[in-house]
Structure formats: structure tokens, C-alpha cells
Amino acid sequence: MNRYRHPWAARRWLARLLPVLALGMGATATRAQADWSQVVQRWADAAVHSSGLAEKSPLRLQVDVGALDPSLRLAPCARAEPYLPAGARLWGRSRLGLRCVDGPTRWNVFIPVTVQAFGPAWVLAGNVPAGAVLTAADAVESEVDWAAAPAPVLADPALWVGQVAARPLQAGQALRQSMVKAPQLFSMGAQVRVSAQGPGFAISTAGQALSAGSAGQNVRVRMTNGKIIEGIVLEDGTISALL
């Protein structure tokens, strides 16, 4: 006699079997996702290597590809292609796309990726208050992850010695471009010297700054005749204007 002749017996048998089937399917999906992560890892390693960044700089690059969302159930696919999404870059925390190009069902997913770039940099030896002028004694050389933050690392001391802390800085931070600014050379309303040149002439005269100024900034100046001109602040605090 058929042991599953009665519907309740068949349902009981299925109830015992379904968890086993689900476990097997879950393991298959997990293995497939791990395989796709390896495909993305190889692609990312090759892309970073082909950039030539490691050969052109003192950086030691490391690429870590994360895992696909375990809740995803991807359809079978004979070939999937990794790609860099628009607006993303292989630097710091980012993501890569993976799309099925050969399968009954096309799909497109994203995988987290972290690119670390270890190299020499200058790290603050102690806390620095906002507005303080940085000296060579404020930082020590160390190895840091250049890609850990968006702002570029200031690897050359000439780029930060004599600059002003743009905000309170903490010991252990690597000095980056966004952390410093040029010192203020004059305040708004100060009398400044303006040098201007044009075809066949060069003049130097006084004016009143309409804003505070630091080296390299564009500022507006009211001349003695009331005319307002724009110029670039030079290292010595004078303003170079083109008339």
C-alpha cells in the first residue's frame, strides 16, 4: 500500500523534506555568490594594478571586496561582468557593479569594495587648536591609509608647515588638504598695496580691502578713486591685479 496514500501523510512527508531542500538550495546560492565575489575580486585587483598607481607612487595598495547581500537569490548565469558604476572610483570605500550578460534572466547587483593605499604621511603628534600655525614639530612621519578620507594627504612638509589649522585637529590624524589653510595676511577694511600692470605700464598704489585675505585668494579692493577691482593676494600681502 502506498504509504502516502492519504493527503495528511503526504503533507507530513513534505514538511520534513522542505527544510532539507531549502538548506541545499541555500548552500548552492551561497556558493554561487562566493564565486561571483571572487570574480569581482580578480577584476578589482587587475583594475587597480593596471592603473599604475603603485608604480608611480610610494603607495602599497590593497583591495578588499565584500560579499553580496545573502538575501539575494540570483538566477543561474553563465557569465557575469564586473564594472565600475558611474560616479564611483576605486579609492577608499566604494562599490562595484556585477551584471549577468549570459543567462536566461539578466540581473544587476552591487558589491561593496574597499581600496586602501598605504604610504608615508605626516601624523599629528598632539592636539592643535583651530587657527594655530603649524610647525615642523607638530607632526611625525608615519604610514597611513591615504584613501581613508576624501581629502588628499599632505605628504610634503612644505605644504603644511606655516599653514593654519582650519579646525581643531586631534593627535594621530594624518594631515590632509582640508585640515589647513593659508594664514590671514590682512583683515577686511585694511589698507593694502595693489600692483597692476597692462600693455606698456605698471603701477603700484593703495586701496582698501573689502574682505580678509590670505595668500592665493581672490579679493576685491576699493581704489582711492572709488573704483572696485579684483586681484590675487601674493605671499607678501600685496595684491596683483590685471587692469
C-alpha atoms as a PDB file:
ATOM      1  CA  MET A   1       0.000   0.000   0.000  1.00  0.00           C
ATOM      2  CA  ASN A   2       1.201   3.487  -0.830  1.00  0.00           C
ATOM      3  CA  ARG A   3       2.420   4.987   2.428  1.00  0.00           C
ATOM      4  CA  TYR A   4       1.490   8.482   1.110  1.00  0.00           C
ATOM      5  CA  ARG A   5      -1.990   7.482   0.018  1.00  0.00           C
ATOM      6  CA  HIS A   6      -3.600   9.829   2.491  1.00  0.00           C
ATOM      7  CA  PRO A   7      -3.138  13.629   1.929  1.00  0.00           C
ATOM      8  CA  TRP A   8      -2.183  14.224   5.562  1.00  0.00           C
ATOM      9  CA  ALA A   9       0.664  11.678   5.267  1.00  0.00           C
ATOM     10  CA  ALA A  10       1.976  13.356   2.113  1.00  0.00           C
ATOM     11  CA  ARG A  11       1.857  16.751   3.785  1.00  0.00           C
ATOM     12  CA  ARG A  12       3.785  15.395   6.757  1.00  0.00           C
ATOM     13  CA  TRP A  13       6.435  13.938   4.415  1.00  0.00           C
ATOM     14  CA  LEU A  14       6.762  17.240   2.553  1.00  0.00           C
ATOM     15  CA  ALA A  15       7.036  19.132   5.823  1.00  0.00           C
ATOM     16  CA  ARG A  16      10.057  17.013   6.739  1.00  0.00           C
ATOM     17  CA  LEU A  17      11.603  17.266   3.255  1.00  0.00           C
ATOM     18  CA  LEU A  18      11.242  21.021   2.572  1.00  0.00           C
ATOM     19  CA  PRO A  19      13.760  22.172   5.210  1.00  0.00           C
ATOM     20  CA  VAL A  20      16.323  19.776   3.720  1.00  0.00           C
ATOM     21  CA  LEU A  21      15.666  21.095   0.204  1.00  0.00           C
ATOM     22  CA  ALA A  22      15.825  24.686   1.402  1.00  0.00           C
ATOM     23  CA  LEU A  23      19.139  24.024   3.126  1.00  0.00           C
ATOM     24  CA  GLY A  24      20.565  22.534  -0.051  1.00  0.00           C
ATOM     25  CA  MET A  25      19.319  25.415  -2.198  1.00  0.00           C
ATOM     26  CA  GLY A  26      20.677  27.947   0.293  1.00  0.00           C
ATOM     27  CA  ALA A  27      24.095  26.300   0.220  1.00  0.00           C
ATOM     28  CA  THR A  28      24.083  26.365  -3.595  1.00  0.00           C
ATOM     29  CA  ALA A  29      23.154  30.046  -3.633  1.00  0.00           C
ATOM     30  CA  THR A  30      25.860  30.805  -1.089  1.00  0.00           C
ATOM     31  CA  ARG A  31      28.490  29.019  -3.152  1.00  0.00           C
ATOM     32  CA  ALA A  32      27.383  30.892  -6.288  1.00  0.00           C
ATOM     33  CA  GLN A  33      27.558  34.235  -4.523  1.00  0.00           C
ATOM     34  CA  ALA A  34      31.011  33.415  -3.182  1.00  0.00           C
ATOM     35  CA  ASP A  35      32.100  32.573  -6.741  1.00  0.00           C
ATOM     36  CA  TRP A  36      30.804  35.921  -8.034  1.00  0.00           C
ATOM     37  CA  SER A  37      32.637  37.737  -5.249  1.00  0.00           C
ATOM     38  CA  GLN A  38      35.844  36.032  -6.391  1.00  0.00           C
ATOM     39  CA  VAL A  39      35.182  37.186  -9.965  1.00  0.00           C
ATOM     40  CA  VAL A  40      34.783  40.755  -8.724  1.00  0.00           C
ATOM     41  CA  GLN A  41      37.921  40.446  -6.555  1.00  0.00           C
ATOM     42  CA  ARG A  42      40.032  39.375  -9.546  1.00  0.00           C
ATOM     43  CA  TRP A  43      38.594  42.174 -11.688  1.00  0.00           C
ATOM     44  CA  ALA A  44      39.234  44.816  -8.997  1.00  0.00           C
ATOM     45  CA  ASP A  45      42.803  43.593  -8.390  1.00  0.00           C
ATOM     46  CA  ALA A  46      43.532  43.791 -12.118  1.00  0.00           C
ATOM     47  CA  ALA A  47      41.928  47.248 -12.455  1.00  0.00           C
ATOM     48  CA  VAL A  48      43.940  48.699  -9.565  1.00  0.00           C
ATOM     49  CA  HIS A  49      47.151  47.104 -10.841  1.00  0.00           C
ATOM     50  CA  SER A  50      46.617  48.395 -14.400  1.00  0.00           C
ATOM     51  CA  SER A  51      46.156  51.956 -13.087  1.00  0.00           C
ATOM     52  CA  GLY A  52      49.905  52.125 -12.485  1.00  0.00           C
ATOM     53  CA  LEU A  53      49.379  53.983  -9.208  1.00  0.00           C
ATOM     54  CA  ALA A  54      51.572  51.580  -7.233  1.00  0.00           C
ATOM     55  CA  GLU A  55      54.444  52.024  -9.707  1.00  0.00           C
ATOM     56  CA  LYS A  56      54.136  55.828  -9.887  1.00  0.00           C
ATOM     57  CA  SER A  57      53.866  56.467  -6.144  1.00  0.00           C
ATOM     58  CA  PRO A  58      55.123  55.065  -2.821  1.00  0.00           C
ATOM     59  CA  LEU A  59      51.714  53.544  -2.114  1.00  0.00           C
ATOM     60  CA  ARG A  60      51.036  49.930  -1.181  1.00  0.00           C
ATOM     61  CA  LEU A  61      47.584  49.066  -2.481  1.00  0.00           C
ATOM     62  CA  GLN A  62      45.143  46.567  -1.006  1.00  0.00           C
ATOM     63  CA  VAL A  63      41.704  45.714  -2.416  1.00  0.00           C
ATOM     64  CA  ASP A  64      39.031  44.064  -0.267  1.00  0.00           C
ATOM     65  CA  VAL A  65      35.793  43.013  -1.950  1.00  0.00           C
ATOM     66  CA  GLY A  66      32.803  42.496   0.300  1.00  0.00           C
ATOM     67  CA  ALA A  67      30.077  39.896  -0.003  1.00  0.00           C
ATOM     68  CA  LEU A  68      26.810  40.019  -1.867  1.00  0.00           C
ATOM     69  CA  ASP A  69      23.670  40.527   0.149  1.00  0.00           C
ATOM     70  CA  PRO A  70      22.920  36.988   1.458  1.00  0.00           C
ATOM     71  CA  SER A  71      19.202  37.568   0.928  1.00  0.00           C
ATOM     72  CA  LEU A  72      19.712  37.774  -2.846  1.00  0.00           C
ATOM     73  CA  ARG A  73      18.643  34.795  -4.918  1.00  0.00           C
ATOM     74  CA  LEU A  74      20.361  35.238  -8.255  1.00  0.00           C
ATOM     75  CA  ALA A  75      19.212  33.304 -11.300  1.00  0.00           C
ATOM     76  CA  PRO A  76      21.768  30.977 -12.903  1.00  0.00           C
ATOM     77  CA  CYS A  77      24.206  32.856 -15.129  1.00  0.00           C
ATOM     78  CA  ALA A  78      26.954  31.503 -17.391  1.00  0.00           C
ATOM     79  CA  ARG A  79      28.888  34.775 -17.437  1.00  0.00           C
ATOM     80  CA  ALA A  80      28.701  37.970 -15.414  1.00  0.00           C
ATOM     81  CA  GLU A  81      30.782  41.100 -15.911  1.00  0.00           C
ATOM     82  CA  PRO A  82      32.020  43.414 -13.146  1.00  0.00           C
ATOM     83  CA  TYR A  83      32.042  47.150 -13.885  1.00  0.00           C
ATOM     84  CA  LEU A  84      32.663  50.469 -12.177  1.00  0.00           C
ATOM     85  CA  PRO A  85      29.356  52.364 -11.728  1.00  0.00           C
ATOM     86  CA  ALA A  86      29.109  55.968 -12.897  1.00  0.00           C
ATOM     87  CA  GLY A  87      30.435  58.344 -10.261  1.00  0.00           C
ATOM     88  CA  ALA A  88      32.287  55.612  -8.355  1.00  0.00           C
ATOM     89  CA  ARG A  89      36.051  55.168  -8.200  1.00  0.00           C
ATOM     90  CA  LEU A  90      38.445  52.554  -6.910  1.00  0.00           C
ATOM     91  CA  TRP A  91      39.598  54.566  -3.901  1.00  0.00           C
ATOM     92  CA  GLY A  92      38.506  54.205  -0.293  1.00  0.00           C
ATOM     93  CA  ARG A  93      35.040  52.821   0.336  1.00  0.00           C
ATOM     94  CA  SER A  94      33.177  52.329  -2.924  1.00  0.00           C
ATOM     95  CA  ARG A  95      31.161  49.744  -4.803  1.00  0.00           C
ATOM     96  CA  LEU A  96      31.373  47.706  -7.978  1.00  0.00           C
ATOM     97  CA  GLY A  97      28.575  46.514 -10.195  1.00  0.00           C
ATOM     98  CA  LEU A  98      28.105  42.946 -11.413  1.00  0.00           C
ATOM     99  CA  ARG A  99      25.706  42.199 -14.270  1.00  0.00           C
ATOM    100  CA  CYS A 100      24.700  38.923 -15.839  1.00  0.00           C
ATOM    101  CA  VAL A 101      25.382  39.010 -19.600  1.00  0.00           C
ATOM    102  CA  ASP A 102      24.759  35.352 -20.423  1.00  0.00           C
ATOM    103  CA  GLY A 103      21.788  33.778 -18.712  1.00  0.00           C
ATOM    104  CA  PRO A 104      18.047  33.210 -19.004  1.00  0.00           C
ATOM    105  CA  THR A 105      17.423  36.108 -16.606  1.00  0.00           C
ATOM    106  CA  ARG A 106      19.566  39.225 -16.712  1.00  0.00           C
ATOM    107  CA  TRP A 107      20.357  40.712 -13.330  1.00  0.00           C
ATOM    108  CA  ASN A 108      22.458  43.547 -11.963  1.00  0.00           C
ATOM    109  CA  VAL A 109      23.779  43.792  -8.390  1.00  0.00           C
ATOM    110  CA  PHE A 110      26.324  45.832  -6.452  1.00  0.00           C
ATOM    111  CA  ILE A 111      29.135  44.657  -4.194  1.00  0.00           C
ATOM    112  CA  PRO A 112      30.964  46.832  -1.616  1.00  0.00           C
ATOM    113  CA  VAL A 113      34.693  47.280  -2.178  1.00  0.00           C
ATOM    114  CA  THR A 114      37.400  48.992  -0.136  1.00  0.00           C
ATOM    115  CA  VAL A 115      40.677  50.131  -1.679  1.00  0.00           C
ATOM    116  CA  GLN A 116      43.398  51.001   0.818  1.00  0.00           C
ATOM    117  CA  ALA A 117      46.543  52.872  -0.203  1.00  0.00           C
ATOM    118  CA  PHE A 118      49.235  52.724   2.479  1.00  0.00           C
ATOM    119  CA  GLY A 119      52.082  55.196   2.227  1.00  0.00           C
ATOM    120  CA  PRO A 120      54.209  57.731   4.133  1.00  0.00           C
ATOM    121  CA  ALA A 121      52.427  60.755   5.577  1.00  0.00           C
ATOM    122  CA  TRP A 122      52.664  63.220   8.439  1.00  0.00           C
ATOM    123  CA  VAL A 123      50.655  62.453  11.566  1.00  0.00           C
ATOM    124  CA  LEU A 124      49.945  64.992  14.295  1.00  0.00           C
ATOM    125  CA  ALA A 125      51.919  64.386  17.470  1.00  0.00           C
ATOM    126  CA  GLY A 126      49.433  66.307  19.610  1.00  0.00           C
ATOM    127  CA  ASN A 127      46.222  68.304  19.500  1.00  0.00           C
ATOM    128  CA  VAL A 128      46.293  71.566  17.528  1.00  0.00           C
ATOM    129  CA  PRO A 129      43.670  74.278  18.174  1.00  0.00           C
ATOM    130  CA  ALA A 130      41.893  75.986  15.279  1.00  0.00           C
ATOM    131  CA  GLY A 131      43.829  78.967  13.974  1.00  0.00           C
ATOM    132  CA  ALA A 132      47.213  77.790  15.264  1.00  0.00           C
ATOM    133  CA  VAL A 133      50.153  77.985  12.870  1.00  0.00           C
ATOM    134  CA  LEU A 134      51.623  74.534  12.231  1.00  0.00           C
ATOM    135  CA  THR A 135      55.349  73.962  12.708  1.00  0.00           C
ATOM    136  CA  ALA A 136      57.586  71.043  11.777  1.00  0.00           C
ATOM    137  CA  ALA A 137      57.451  69.875  15.409  1.00  0.00           C
ATOM    138  CA  ASP A 138      53.669  69.335  15.254  1.00  0.00           C
ATOM    139  CA  ALA A 139      53.803  66.113  13.226  1.00  0.00           C
ATOM    140  CA  VAL A 140      55.830  62.935  12.828  1.00  0.00           C
ATOM    141  CA  GLU A 141      56.201  60.759   9.747  1.00  0.00           C
ATOM    142  CA  SER A 142      54.261  57.509   9.692  1.00  0.00           C
ATOM    143  CA  GLU A 143      52.455  55.142   7.328  1.00  0.00           C
ATOM    144  CA  VAL A 144      48.742  55.788   6.842  1.00  0.00           C
ATOM    145  CA  ASP A 145      45.937  54.825   4.508  1.00  0.00           C
ATOM    146  CA  TRP A 146      45.784  57.699   2.015  1.00  0.00           C
ATOM    147  CA  ALA A 147      42.379  56.503   0.812  1.00  0.00           C
ATOM    148  CA  ALA A 148      40.787  56.553   4.281  1.00  0.00           C
ATOM    149  CA  ALA A 149      39.381  60.070   3.663  1.00  0.00           C
ATOM    150  CA  PRO A 150      38.482  62.051   0.506  1.00  0.00           C
ATOM    151  CA  ALA A 151      40.896  64.961   1.072  1.00  0.00           C
ATOM    152  CA  PRO A 152      44.437  64.465  -0.313  1.00  0.00           C
ATOM    153  CA  VAL A 153      47.271  63.701   2.096  1.00  0.00           C
ATOM    154  CA  LEU A 154      49.891  66.453   2.571  1.00  0.00           C
ATOM    155  CA  ALA A 155      52.965  64.255   2.198  1.00  0.00           C
ATOM    156  CA  ASP A 156      55.354  67.189   1.655  1.00  0.00           C
ATOM    157  CA  PRO A 157      56.008  69.280   4.816  1.00  0.00           C
ATOM    158  CA  ALA A 158      56.249  72.385   2.634  1.00  0.00           C
ATOM    159  CA  LEU A 159      52.505  72.059   2.065  1.00  0.00           C
ATOM    160  CA  TRP A 160      51.563  72.356   5.744  1.00  0.00           C
ATOM    161  CA  VAL A 161      54.416  73.961   7.716  1.00  0.00           C
ATOM    162  CA  GLY A 162      53.442  77.616   8.241  1.00  0.00           C
ATOM    163  CA  GLN A 163      49.794  76.904   7.403  1.00  0.00           C
ATOM    164  CA  VAL A 164      46.943  77.482   9.861  1.00  0.00           C
ATOM    165  CA  ALA A 165      44.727  74.759  11.342  1.00  0.00           C
ATOM    166  CA  ALA A 166      41.326  75.176   9.680  1.00  0.00           C
ATOM    167  CA  ARG A 167      39.596  73.477  12.639  1.00  0.00           C
ATOM    168  CA  PRO A 168      40.620  71.789  15.907  1.00  0.00           C
ATOM    169  CA  LEU A 169      42.929  68.901  14.980  1.00  0.00           C
ATOM    170  CA  GLN A 170      43.448  65.748  17.008  1.00  0.00           C
ATOM    171  CA  ALA A 171      46.632  63.822  17.775  1.00  0.00           C
ATOM    172  CA  GLY A 172      47.056  60.834  15.471  1.00  0.00           C
ATOM    173  CA  GLN A 173      45.318  62.425  12.478  1.00  0.00           C
ATOM    174  CA  ALA A 174      47.153  62.374   9.168  1.00  0.00           C
ATOM    175  CA  LEU A 175      47.499  65.889   7.769  1.00  0.00           C
ATOM    176  CA  ARG A 176      45.226  66.400   4.778  1.00  0.00           C
ATOM    177  CA  GLN A 177      44.453  69.316   2.494  1.00  0.00           C
ATOM    178  CA  SER A 178      41.102  70.138   4.103  1.00  0.00           C
ATOM    179  CA  MET A 179      42.697  70.496   7.546  1.00  0.00           C
ATOM    180  CA  VAL A 180      44.869  73.547   6.856  1.00  0.00           C
ATOM    181  CA  LYS A 181      44.562  76.920   5.201  1.00  0.00           C
ATOM    182  CA  ALA A 182      46.873  79.807   4.387  1.00  0.00           C
ATOM    183  CA  PRO A 183      47.393  82.334   7.204  1.00  0.00           C
ATOM    184  CA  GLN A 184      45.394  85.559   7.002  1.00  0.00           C
ATOM    185  CA  LEU A 185      47.622  88.415   5.814  1.00  0.00           C
ATOM    186  CA  PHE A 186      45.158  91.268   6.292  1.00  0.00           C
ATOM    187  CA  SER A 187      41.621  91.854   7.561  1.00  0.00           C
ATOM    188  CA  MET A 188      38.588  93.441   5.919  1.00  0.00           C
ATOM    189  CA  GLY A 189      38.957  97.215   5.678  1.00  0.00           C
ATOM    190  CA  ALA A 190      42.760  97.146   5.886  1.00  0.00           C
ATOM    191  CA  GLN A 191      44.852  99.371   3.641  1.00  0.00           C
ATOM    192  CA  VAL A 192      46.650  97.210   1.098  1.00  0.00           C
ATOM    193  CA  ARG A 193      49.157  97.779  -1.663  1.00  0.00           C
ATOM    194  CA  VAL A 194      47.902  96.979  -5.155  1.00  0.00           C
ATOM    195  CA  SER A 195      50.213  96.336  -8.075  1.00  0.00           C
ATOM    196  CA  ALA A 196      48.678  96.360 -11.530  1.00  0.00           C
ATOM    197  CA  GLN A 197      50.026  96.010 -14.999  1.00  0.00           C
ATOM    198  CA  GLY A 198      48.750  96.285 -18.505  1.00  0.00           C
ATOM    199  CA  PRO A 199      50.070  96.843 -22.030  1.00  0.00           C
ATOM    200  CA  GLY A 200      53.064  99.130 -21.631  1.00  0.00           C
ATOM    201  CA  PHE A 201      52.541 100.165 -17.997  1.00  0.00           C
ATOM    202  CA  ALA A 202      52.850  99.032 -14.386  1.00  0.00           C
ATOM    203  CA  ILE A 203      51.581 100.869 -11.307  1.00  0.00           C
ATOM    204  CA  SER A 204      51.582 100.421  -7.540  1.00  0.00           C
ATOM    205  CA  THR A 205      49.002 102.171  -5.423  1.00  0.00           C
ATOM    206  CA  ALA A 206      46.991 101.853  -2.223  1.00  0.00           C
ATOM    207  CA  GLY A 207      43.460 100.557  -1.761  1.00  0.00           C
ATOM    208  CA  GLN A 208      41.052  99.248   0.864  1.00  0.00           C
ATOM    209  CA  ALA A 209      40.440  95.512   1.151  1.00  0.00           C
ATOM    210  CA  LEU A 210      36.754  94.606   1.044  1.00  0.00           C
ATOM    211  CA  SER A 211      37.422  91.239   2.712  1.00  0.00           C
ATOM    212  CA  ALA A 212      40.114  89.456   4.685  1.00  0.00           C
ATOM    213  CA  GLY A 213      42.849  87.947   2.539  1.00  0.00           C
ATOM    214  CA  SER A 214      45.258  85.023   2.530  1.00  0.00           C
ATOM    215  CA  ALA A 215      47.938  84.122   0.014  1.00  0.00           C
ATOM    216  CA  GLY A 216      46.440  82.811  -3.214  1.00  0.00           C
ATOM    217  CA  GLN A 217      42.930  84.159  -2.581  1.00  0.00           C
ATOM    218  CA  ASN A 218      40.971  86.401  -4.925  1.00  0.00           C
ATOM    219  CA  VAL A 219      39.890  89.607  -3.176  1.00  0.00           C
ATOM    220  CA  ARG A 220      38.130  92.829  -4.096  1.00  0.00           C
ATOM    221  CA  VAL A 221      39.736  96.207  -3.390  1.00  0.00           C
ATOM    222  CA  ARG A 222      38.251  99.716  -3.455  1.00  0.00           C
ATOM    223  CA  MET A 223      40.727 102.117  -5.026  1.00  0.00           C
ATOM    224  CA  THR A 224      41.140 105.763  -3.926  1.00  0.00           C
ATOM    225  CA  ASN A 225      39.023 106.907  -6.883  1.00  0.00           C
ATOM    226  CA  GLY A 226      36.160 104.639  -5.743  1.00  0.00           C
ATOM    227  CA  LYS A 227      36.665 102.019  -8.445  1.00  0.00           C
ATOM    228  CA  ILE A 228      36.498  98.388  -7.282  1.00  0.00           C
ATOM    229  CA  ILE A 229      38.946  95.909  -8.763  1.00  0.00           C
ATOM    230  CA  GLU A 230      39.812  92.254  -8.136  1.00  0.00           C
ATOM    231  CA  GLY A 231      43.214  90.726  -7.612  1.00  0.00           C
ATOM    232  CA  ILE A 232      45.168  87.813  -6.177  1.00  0.00           C
ATOM    233  CA  VAL A 233      46.860  88.069  -2.780  1.00  0.00           C
ATOM    234  CA  LEU A 234      50.605  87.457  -3.014  1.00  0.00           C
ATOM    235  CA  GLU A 235      52.808  85.909  -0.319  1.00  0.00           C
ATOM    236  CA  ASP A 236      53.921  89.351   0.929  1.00  0.00           C
ATOM    237  CA  GLY A 237      50.332  90.597   1.342  1.00  0.00           C
ATOM    238  CA  THR A 238      50.263  92.780  -1.765  1.00  0.00           C
ATOM    239  CA  ILE A 239      47.550  92.313  -4.363  1.00  0.00           C
ATOM    240  CA  SER A 240      48.278  91.666  -8.005  1.00  0.00           C
ATOM    241  CA  ALA A 241      45.540  92.976 -10.305  1.00  0.00           C
ATOM    242  CA  LEU A 242      45.241  92.938 -14.070  1.00  0.00           C
ATOM    243  CA  LEU A 243      43.695  96.141 -15.439  1.00  0.00           C
END
